[in-house]
Amino acid sequence: MSQKELWYETLHANFGQYFSVENVLFREKTEHQDLVIFENPELGRVMALDGVVQTTERDEFIYHEMMTHVPLLAHGQAKKVLIIGG
């Protein structure tokens, strides 16, 4: 059995997590950030910036729900909505 690459995320001095990497899709380091996109068997595509996971295919809907429902509920009378980006 071959051993898969592991990607580690250190969140605090005493806490972190790791992900198995099936395939690295993209990796680039610029003067501003270190971007990595890889595939994980449970989470799908995973995007990390500067060593911190930003989003995964499996849980991205949570992020987008918050981007839409919270402003709509805060406004209270929205009739039309335009979402740009995302």
PDB file of N, CA and C in Angstrom:
ATOM      1  N   MET A   1       0.849  -1.175   0.000  1.00  0.00           N
ATOM      2  CA  MET A   1       0.000   0.000   0.000  1.00  0.00           C
ATOM      3  C   MET A   1       0.894   1.238   0.000  1.00  0.00           C
ATOM      4  N   SER A   2       0.654   2.142  -0.948  1.00  0.00           N
ATOM      5  CA  SER A   2       1.473   3.350  -1.009  1.00  0.00           C
ATOM      6  C   SER A   2       0.987   4.383   0.004  1.00  0.00           C
ATOM      7  N   GLN A   3       1.929   5.150   0.508  1.00  0.00           N
ATOM      8  CA  GLN A   3       1.591   6.161   1.500  1.00  0.00           C
ATOM      9  C   GLN A   3       1.288   7.474   0.786  1.00  0.00           C
ATOM     10  N   LYS A   4       0.149   8.082   1.136  1.00  0.00           N
ATOM     11  CA  LYS A   4      -0.245   9.336   0.516  1.00  0.00           C
ATOM     12  C   LYS A   4       0.457  10.504   1.188  1.00  0.00           C
ATOM     13  N   GLU A   5       0.603  11.568   0.416  1.00  0.00           N
ATOM     14  CA  GLU A   5       1.150  12.803   0.963  1.00  0.00           C
ATOM     15  C   GLU A   5       0.146  13.386   1.951  1.00  0.00           C
ATOM     16  N   LEU A   6       0.646  13.956   3.033  1.00  0.00           N
ATOM     17  CA  LEU A   6      -0.213  14.622   4.011  1.00  0.00           C
ATOM     18  C   LEU A   6       0.075  16.112   3.986  1.00  0.00           C
ATOM     19  N   TRP A   7      -0.976  16.901   4.087  1.00  0.00           N
ATOM     20  CA  TRP A   7      -0.856  18.357   4.149  1.00  0.00           C
ATOM     21  C   TRP A   7      -1.264  18.783   5.547  1.00  0.00           C
ATOM     22  N   TYR A   8      -0.397  19.514   6.217  1.00  0.00           N
ATOM     23  CA  TYR A   8      -0.628  19.912   7.608  1.00  0.00           C
ATOM     24  C   TYR A   8      -1.018  21.379   7.696  1.00  0.00           C
ATOM     25  N   GLU A   9      -1.963  21.650   8.588  1.00  0.00           N
ATOM     26  CA  GLU A   9      -2.370  23.021   8.876  1.00  0.00           C
ATOM     27  C   GLU A   9      -2.197  23.236  10.377  1.00  0.00           C
ATOM     28  N   THR A  10      -1.310  24.130  10.753  1.00  0.00           N
ATOM     29  CA  THR A  10      -1.099  24.450  12.164  1.00  0.00           C
ATOM     30  C   THR A  10      -1.897  25.702  12.486  1.00  0.00           C
ATOM     31  N   LEU A  11      -2.918  25.550  13.317  1.00  0.00           N
ATOM     32  CA  LEU A  11      -3.792  26.674  13.637  1.00  0.00           C
ATOM     33  C   LEU A  11      -3.310  27.440  14.861  1.00  0.00           C
ATOM     34  N   HIS A  12      -2.779  26.730  15.835  1.00  0.00           N
ATOM     35  CA  HIS A  12      -2.250  27.314  17.065  1.00  0.00           C
ATOM     36  C   HIS A  12      -1.073  26.454  17.512  1.00  0.00           C
ATOM     37  N   ALA A  13      -0.383  26.885  18.533  1.00  0.00           N
ATOM     38  CA  ALA A  13       0.785  26.135  19.012  1.00  0.00           C
ATOM     39  C   ALA A  13       0.429  24.701  19.406  1.00  0.00           C
ATOM     40  N   ASN A  14      -0.767  24.484  19.940  1.00  0.00           N
ATOM     41  CA  ASN A  14      -1.162  23.156  20.418  1.00  0.00           C
ATOM     42  C   ASN A  14      -2.319  22.544  19.642  1.00  0.00           C
ATOM     43  N   PHE A  15      -2.605  23.063  18.457  1.00  0.00           N
ATOM     44  CA  PHE A  15      -3.744  22.565  17.699  1.00  0.00           C
ATOM     45  C   PHE A  15      -3.475  22.692  16.207  1.00  0.00           C
ATOM     46  N   GLY A  16      -3.858  21.656  15.474  1.00  0.00           N
ATOM     47  CA  GLY A  16      -3.726  21.664  14.023  1.00  0.00           C
ATOM     48  C   GLY A  16      -4.540  20.529  13.435  1.00  0.00           C
ATOM     49  N   GLN A  17      -4.438  20.359  12.143  1.00  0.00           N
ATOM     50  CA  GLN A  17      -5.128  19.251  11.480  1.00  0.00           C
ATOM     51  C   GLN A  17      -4.335  18.870  10.237  1.00  0.00           C
ATOM     52  N   TYR A  18      -4.612  17.682   9.721  1.00  0.00           N
ATOM     53  CA  TYR A  18      -3.940  17.269   8.505  1.00  0.00           C
ATOM     54  C   TYR A  18      -4.949  16.674   7.534  1.00  0.00           C
ATOM     55  N   PHE A  19      -4.581  16.708   6.258  1.00  0.00           N
ATOM     56  CA  PHE A  19      -5.432  16.228   5.178  1.00  0.00           C
ATOM     57  C   PHE A  19      -4.605  15.307   4.292  1.00  0.00           C
ATOM     58  N   SER A  20      -5.201  14.218   3.840  1.00  0.00           N
ATOM     59  CA  SER A  20      -4.505  13.408   2.846  1.00  0.00           C
ATOM     60  C   SER A  20      -4.666  14.093   1.489  1.00  0.00           C
ATOM     61  N   VAL A  21      -3.609  14.046   0.703  1.00  0.00           N
ATOM     62  CA  VAL A  21      -3.588  14.713  -0.596  1.00  0.00           C
ATOM     63  C   VAL A  21      -3.590  13.652  -1.681  1.00  0.00           C
ATOM     64  N   GLU A  22      -4.659  13.629  -2.469  1.00  0.00           N
ATOM     65  CA  GLU A  22      -4.708  12.694  -3.598  1.00  0.00           C
ATOM     66  C   GLU A  22      -3.938  13.254  -4.787  1.00  0.00           C
ATOM     67  N   ASN A  23      -4.075  14.567  -5.005  1.00  0.00           N
ATOM     68  CA  ASN A  23      -3.457  15.192  -6.160  1.00  0.00           C
ATOM     69  C   ASN A  23      -3.338  16.690  -5.899  1.00  0.00           C
ATOM     70  N   VAL A  24      -2.162  17.252  -6.112  1.00  0.00           N
ATOM     71  CA  VAL A  24      -2.000  18.707  -6.026  1.00  0.00           C
ATOM     72  C   VAL A  24      -2.373  19.272  -7.389  1.00  0.00           C
ATOM     73  N   LEU A  25      -3.403  20.120  -7.413  1.00  0.00           N
ATOM     74  CA  LEU A  25      -3.887  20.684  -8.662  1.00  0.00           C
ATOM     75  C   LEU A  25      -3.162  21.971  -9.032  1.00  0.00           C
ATOM     76  N   PHE A  26      -2.796  22.756  -8.019  1.00  0.00           N
ATOM     77  CA  PHE A  26      -2.149  24.044  -8.281  1.00  0.00           C
ATOM     78  C   PHE A  26      -1.352  24.452  -7.052  1.00  0.00           C
ATOM     79  N   ARG A  27      -0.191  25.012  -7.293  1.00  0.00           N
ATOM     80  CA  ARG A  27       0.630  25.528  -6.188  1.00  0.00           C
ATOM     81  C   ARG A  27       1.406  26.723  -6.727  1.00  0.00           C
ATOM     82  N   GLU A  28       1.274  27.859  -6.035  1.00  0.00           N
ATOM     83  CA  GLU A  28       2.018  29.054  -6.441  1.00  0.00           C
ATOM     84  C   GLU A  28       2.327  29.903  -5.218  1.00  0.00           C
ATOM     85  N   LYS A  29       3.550  30.371  -5.158  1.00  0.00           N
ATOM     86  CA  LYS A  29       3.965  31.271  -4.081  1.00  0.00           C
ATOM     87  C   LYS A  29       4.330  32.598  -4.723  1.00  0.00           C
ATOM     88  N   THR A  30       3.657  33.666  -4.283  1.00  0.00           N
ATOM     89  CA  THR A  30       3.953  35.004  -4.773  1.00  0.00           C
ATOM     90  C   THR A  30       4.509  35.828  -3.621  1.00  0.00           C
ATOM     91  N   GLU A  31       4.774  37.085  -3.874  1.00  0.00           N
ATOM     92  CA  GLU A  31       5.258  37.947  -2.795  1.00  0.00           C
ATOM     93  C   GLU A  31       4.165  38.221  -1.772  1.00  0.00           C
ATOM     94  N   HIS A  32       2.906  37.930  -2.114  1.00  0.00           N
ATOM     95  CA  HIS A  32       1.782  38.227  -1.221  1.00  0.00           C
ATOM     96  C   HIS A  32       1.214  37.007  -0.503  1.00  0.00           C
ATOM     97  N   GLN A  33       1.249  35.841  -1.149  1.00  0.00           N
ATOM     98  CA  GLN A  33       0.613  34.673  -0.537  1.00  0.00           C
ATOM     99  C   GLN A  33       1.154  33.375  -1.120  1.00  0.00           C
ATOM    100  N   ASP A  34       0.865  32.307  -0.393  1.00  0.00           N
ATOM    101  CA  ASP A  34       1.202  30.956  -0.831  1.00  0.00           C
ATOM    102  C   ASP A  34      -0.123  30.235  -1.055  1.00  0.00           C
ATOM    103  N   LEU A  35      -0.441  29.911  -2.298  1.00  0.00           N
ATOM    104  CA  LEU A  35      -1.717  29.294  -2.659  1.00  0.00           C
ATOM    105  C   LEU A  35      -1.500  27.835  -3.026  1.00  0.00           C
ATOM    106  N   VAL A  36      -2.316  26.954  -2.430  1.00  0.00           N
ATOM    107  CA  VAL A  36      -2.282  25.527  -2.756  1.00  0.00           C
ATOM    108  C   VAL A  36      -3.717  25.053  -2.949  1.00  0.00           C
ATOM    109  N   ILE A  37      -3.952  24.328  -4.034  1.00  0.00           N
ATOM    110  CA  ILE A  37      -5.246  23.683  -4.275  1.00  0.00           C
ATOM    111  C   ILE A  37      -4.961  22.202  -4.497  1.00  0.00           C
ATOM    112  N   PHE A  38      -5.616  21.363  -3.695  1.00  0.00           N
ATOM    113  CA  PHE A  38      -5.390  19.923  -3.821  1.00  0.00           C
ATOM    114  C   PHE A  38      -6.706  19.172  -3.651  1.00  0.00           C
ATOM    115  N   GLU A  39      -6.685  17.887  -4.023  1.00  0.00           N
ATOM    116  CA  GLU A  39      -7.862  17.037  -3.894  1.00  0.00           C
ATOM    117  C   GLU A  39      -7.718  16.136  -2.677  1.00  0.00           C
ATOM    118  N   ASN A  40      -8.804  16.042  -1.911  1.00  0.00           N
ATOM    119  CA  ASN A  40      -8.885  15.180  -0.742  1.00  0.00           C
ATOM    120  C   ASN A  40     -10.065  14.239  -0.965  1.00  0.00           C
ATOM    121  N   PRO A  41      -9.959  12.949  -0.609  1.00  0.00           N
ATOM    122  CA  PRO A  41     -11.039  11.997  -0.886  1.00  0.00           C
ATOM    123  C   PRO A  41     -12.361  12.311  -0.188  1.00  0.00           C
ATOM    124  N   GLU A  42     -12.331  12.954   0.955  1.00  0.00           N
ATOM    125  CA  GLU A  42     -13.567  13.265   1.688  1.00  0.00           C
ATOM    126  C   GLU A  42     -14.097  14.666   1.404  1.00  0.00           C
ATOM    127  N   LEU A  43     -13.204  15.615   1.225  1.00  0.00           N
ATOM    128  CA  LEU A  43     -13.598  17.022   1.115  1.00  0.00           C
ATOM    129  C   LEU A  43     -13.612  17.552  -0.311  1.00  0.00           C
ATOM    130  N   GLY A  44     -13.143  16.770  -1.262  1.00  0.00           N
ATOM    131  CA  GLY A  44     -13.061  17.245  -2.643  1.00  0.00           C
ATOM    132  C   GLY A  44     -11.883  18.189  -2.793  1.00  0.00           C
ATOM    133  N   ARG A  45     -12.070  19.222  -3.596  1.00  0.00           N
ATOM    134  CA  ARG A  45     -11.000  20.200  -3.778  1.00  0.00           C
ATOM    135  C   ARG A  45     -10.878  21.081  -2.543  1.00  0.00           C
ATOM    136  N   VAL A  46      -9.650  21.306  -2.130  1.00  0.00           N
ATOM    137  CA  VAL A  46      -9.350  22.097  -0.934  1.00  0.00           C
ATOM    138  C   VAL A  46      -8.450  23.254  -1.354  1.00  0.00           C
ATOM    139  N   MET A  47      -8.792  24.473  -0.914  1.00  0.00           N
ATOM    140  CA  MET A  47      -7.962  25.636  -1.197  1.00  0.00           C
ATOM    141  C   MET A  47      -7.392  26.183   0.103  1.00  0.00           C
ATOM    142  N   ALA A  48      -6.076  26.379   0.126  1.00  0.00           N
ATOM    143  CA  ALA A  48      -5.406  26.931   1.307  1.00  0.00           C
ATOM    144  C   ALA A  48      -4.570  28.135   0.899  1.00  0.00           C
ATOM    145  N   LEU A  49      -4.627  29.169   1.712  1.00  0.00           N
ATOM    146  CA  LEU A  49      -3.795  30.354   1.537  1.00  0.00           C
ATOM    147  C   LEU A  49      -2.889  30.483   2.750  1.00  0.00           C
ATOM    148  N   ASP A  50      -1.608  30.616   2.497  1.00  0.00           N
ATOM    149  CA  ASP A  50      -0.619  30.783   3.564  1.00  0.00           C
ATOM    150  C   ASP A  50      -0.742  29.708   4.641  1.00  0.00           C
ATOM    151  N   GLY A  51      -1.005  28.476   4.209  1.00  0.00           N
ATOM    152  CA  GLY A  51      -1.053  27.351   5.131  1.00  0.00           C
ATOM    153  C   GLY A  51      -2.346  27.185   5.900  1.00  0.00           C
ATOM    154  N   VAL A  52      -3.371  27.974   5.557  1.00  0.00           N
ATOM    155  CA  VAL A  52      -4.652  27.895   6.259  1.00  0.00           C
ATOM    156  C   VAL A  52      -5.752  27.564   5.251  1.00  0.00           C
ATOM    157  N   VAL A  53      -6.527  26.510   5.517  1.00  0.00           N
ATOM    158  CA  VAL A  53      -7.623  26.124   4.630  1.00  0.00           C
ATOM    159  C   VAL A  53      -8.664  27.238   4.600  1.00  0.00           C
ATOM    160  N   GLN A  54      -9.030  27.654   3.390  1.00  0.00           N
ATOM    161  CA  GLN A  54     -10.029  28.697   3.208  1.00  0.00           C
ATOM    162  C   GLN A  54     -11.399  28.106   2.886  1.00  0.00           C
ATOM    163  N   THR A  55     -11.412  27.085   2.032  1.00  0.00           N
ATOM    164  CA  THR A  55     -12.677  26.469   1.637  1.00  0.00           C
ATOM    165  C   THR A  55     -12.417  25.086   1.058  1.00  0.00           C
ATOM    166  N   THR A  56     -13.458  24.251   1.102  1.00  0.00           N
ATOM    167  CA  THR A  56     -13.414  22.936   0.465  1.00  0.00           C
ATOM    168  C   THR A  56     -14.705  22.758  -0.323  1.00  0.00           C
ATOM    169  N   GLU A  57     -14.694  21.853  -1.280  1.00  0.00           N
ATOM    170  CA  GLU A  57     -15.919  21.593  -2.039  1.00  0.00           C
ATOM    171  C   GLU A  57     -17.049  21.114  -1.137  1.00  0.00           C
ATOM    172  N   ARG A  58     -16.710  20.346  -0.132  1.00  0.00           N
ATOM    173  CA  ARG A  58     -17.738  19.747   0.715  1.00  0.00           C
ATOM    174  C   ARG A  58     -18.449  20.760   1.616  1.00  0.00           C
ATOM    175  N   ASP A  59     -17.742  21.804   2.060  1.00  0.00           N
ATOM    176  CA  ASP A  59     -18.381  22.735   2.991  1.00  0.00           C
ATOM    177  C   ASP A  59     -18.527  24.165   2.466  1.00  0.00           C
ATOM    178  N   GLU A  60     -18.238  24.402   1.193  1.00  0.00           N
ATOM    179  CA  GLU A  60     -18.318  25.763   0.681  1.00  0.00           C
ATOM    180  C   GLU A  60     -19.728  26.333   0.746  1.00  0.00           C
ATOM    181  N   PHE A  61     -20.741  25.481   0.711  1.00  0.00           N
ATOM    182  CA  PHE A  61     -22.117  25.976   0.756  1.00  0.00           C
ATOM    183  C   PHE A  61     -22.403  26.726   2.055  1.00  0.00           C
ATOM    184  N   ILE A  62     -21.734  26.362   3.136  1.00  0.00           N
ATOM    185  CA  ILE A  62     -21.937  27.045   4.418  1.00  0.00           C
ATOM    186  C   ILE A  62     -21.501  28.501   4.298  1.00  0.00           C
ATOM    187  N   TYR A  63     -20.355  28.708   3.703  1.00  0.00           N
ATOM    188  CA  TYR A  63     -19.827  30.062   3.492  1.00  0.00           C
ATOM    189  C   TYR A  63     -20.781  30.880   2.628  1.00  0.00           C
ATOM    190  N   HIS A  64     -21.254  30.292   1.528  1.00  0.00           N
ATOM    191  CA  HIS A  64     -22.138  31.028   0.624  1.00  0.00           C
ATOM    192  C   HIS A  64     -23.515  31.277   1.233  1.00  0.00           C
ATOM    193  N   GLU A  65     -23.993  30.375   2.051  1.00  0.00           N
ATOM    194  CA  GLU A  65     -25.267  30.612   2.745  1.00  0.00           C
ATOM    195  C   GLU A  65     -25.166  31.838   3.639  1.00  0.00           C
ATOM    196  N   MET A  66     -24.060  31.960   4.361  1.00  0.00           N
ATOM    197  CA  MET A  66     -23.877  33.114   5.238  1.00  0.00           C
ATOM    198  C   MET A  66     -23.761  34.407   4.436  1.00  0.00           C
ATOM    199  N   MET A  67     -23.156  34.332   3.257  1.00  0.00           N
ATOM    200  CA  MET A  67     -23.015  35.527   2.419  1.00  0.00           C
ATOM    201  C   MET A  67     -24.363  36.018   1.914  1.00  0.00           C
ATOM    202  N   THR A  68     -25.341  35.139   1.801  1.00  0.00           N
ATOM    203  CA  THR A  68     -26.634  35.545   1.244  1.00  0.00           C
ATOM    204  C   THR A  68     -27.708  35.731   2.302  1.00  0.00           C
ATOM    205  N   HIS A  69     -27.897  34.768   3.164  1.00  0.00           N
ATOM    206  CA  HIS A  69     -29.019  34.829   4.105  1.00  0.00           C
ATOM    207  C   HIS A  69     -28.877  35.907   5.171  1.00  0.00           C
ATOM    208  N   VAL A  70     -27.692  36.093   5.698  1.00  0.00           N
ATOM    209  CA  VAL A  70     -27.514  37.097   6.753  1.00  0.00           C
ATOM    210  C   VAL A  70     -27.838  38.501   6.240  1.00  0.00           C
ATOM    211  N   PRO A  71     -27.290  38.948   5.100  1.00  0.00           N
ATOM    212  CA  PRO A  71     -27.662  40.283   4.613  1.00  0.00           C
ATOM    213  C   PRO A  71     -29.148  40.395   4.260  1.00  0.00           C
ATOM    214  N   LEU A  72     -29.725  39.337   3.694  1.00  0.00           N
ATOM    215  CA  LEU A  72     -31.154  39.387   3.361  1.00  0.00           C
ATOM    216  C   LEU A  72     -32.012  39.543   4.605  1.00  0.00           C
ATOM    217  N   LEU A  73     -31.704  38.796   5.633  1.00  0.00           N
ATOM    218  CA  LEU A  73     -32.467  38.898   6.874  1.00  0.00           C
ATOM    219  C   LEU A  73     -32.229  40.230   7.573  1.00  0.00           C
ATOM    220  N   ALA A  74     -31.022  40.746   7.489  1.00  0.00           N
ATOM    221  CA  ALA A  74     -30.720  42.033   8.121  1.00  0.00           C
ATOM    222  C   ALA A  74     -31.469  43.163   7.430  1.00  0.00           C
ATOM    223  N   HIS A  75     -31.613  43.079   6.112  1.00  0.00           N
ATOM    224  CA  HIS A  75     -32.327  44.117   5.366  1.00  0.00           C
ATOM    225  C   HIS A  75     -33.820  44.028   5.641  1.00  0.00           C
ATOM    226  N   GLY A  76     -34.359  42.838   5.515  1.00  0.00           N
ATOM    227  CA  GLY A  76     -35.765  42.608   5.842  1.00  0.00           C
ATOM    228  C   GLY A  76     -36.757  42.849   4.726  1.00  0.00           C
ATOM    229  N   GLN A  77     -36.461  43.745   3.786  1.00  0.00           N
ATOM    230  CA  GLN A  77     -37.418  44.081   2.723  1.00  0.00           C
ATOM    231  C   GLN A  77     -36.836  43.896   1.319  1.00  0.00           C
ATOM    232  N   ALA A  78     -35.810  43.103   1.168  1.00  0.00           N
ATOM    233  CA  ALA A  78     -35.172  42.933  -0.144  1.00  0.00           C
ATOM    234  C   ALA A  78     -36.124  42.280  -1.129  1.00  0.00           C
ATOM    235  N   LYS A  79     -36.231  42.864  -2.312  1.00  0.00           N
ATOM    236  CA  LYS A  79     -37.077  42.319  -3.382  1.00  0.00           C
ATOM    237  C   LYS A  79     -36.234  41.696  -4.494  1.00  0.00           C
ATOM    238  N   LYS A  80     -35.098  42.324  -4.797  1.00  0.00           N
ATOM    239  CA  LYS A  80     -34.187  41.828  -5.826  1.00  0.00           C
ATOM    240  C   LYS A  80     -32.780  41.818  -5.252  1.00  0.00           C
ATOM    241  N   VAL A  81     -31.993  40.834  -5.684  1.00  0.00           N
ATOM    242  CA  VAL A  81     -30.630  40.693  -5.173  1.00  0.00           C
ATOM    243  C   VAL A  81     -29.692  40.427  -6.341  1.00  0.00           C
ATOM    244  N   LEU A  82     -28.545  41.081  -6.336  1.00  0.00           N
ATOM    245  CA  LEU A  82     -27.501  40.830  -7.315  1.00  0.00           C
ATOM    246  C   LEU A  82     -26.260  40.380  -6.558  1.00  0.00           C
ATOM    247  N   ILE A  83     -25.781  39.190  -6.881  1.00  0.00           N
ATOM    248  CA  ILE A  83     -24.562  38.674  -6.261  1.00  0.00           C
ATOM    249  C   ILE A  83     -23.484  38.669  -7.331  1.00  0.00           C
ATOM    250  N   ILE A  84     -22.393  39.379  -7.057  1.00  0.00           N
ATOM    251  CA  ILE A  84     -21.281  39.471  -8.000  1.00  0.00           C
ATOM    252  C   ILE A  84     -20.081  38.780  -7.377  1.00  0.00           C
ATOM    253  N   GLY A  85     -19.439  37.928  -8.136  1.00  0.00           N
ATOM    254  CA  GLY A  85     -18.285  37.198  -7.611  1.00  0.00           C
ATOM    255  C   GLY A  85     -18.739  35.932  -6.926  1.00  0.00           C
ATOM    256  N   GLY A  86     -17.928  35.488  -5.970  1.00  0.00           N
ATOM    257  CA  GLY A  86     -18.272  34.278  -5.238  1.00  0.00           C
ATOM    258  C   GLY A  86     -18.061  33.105  -6.107  1.00  0.00           C
TER     259      GLY A  86
END
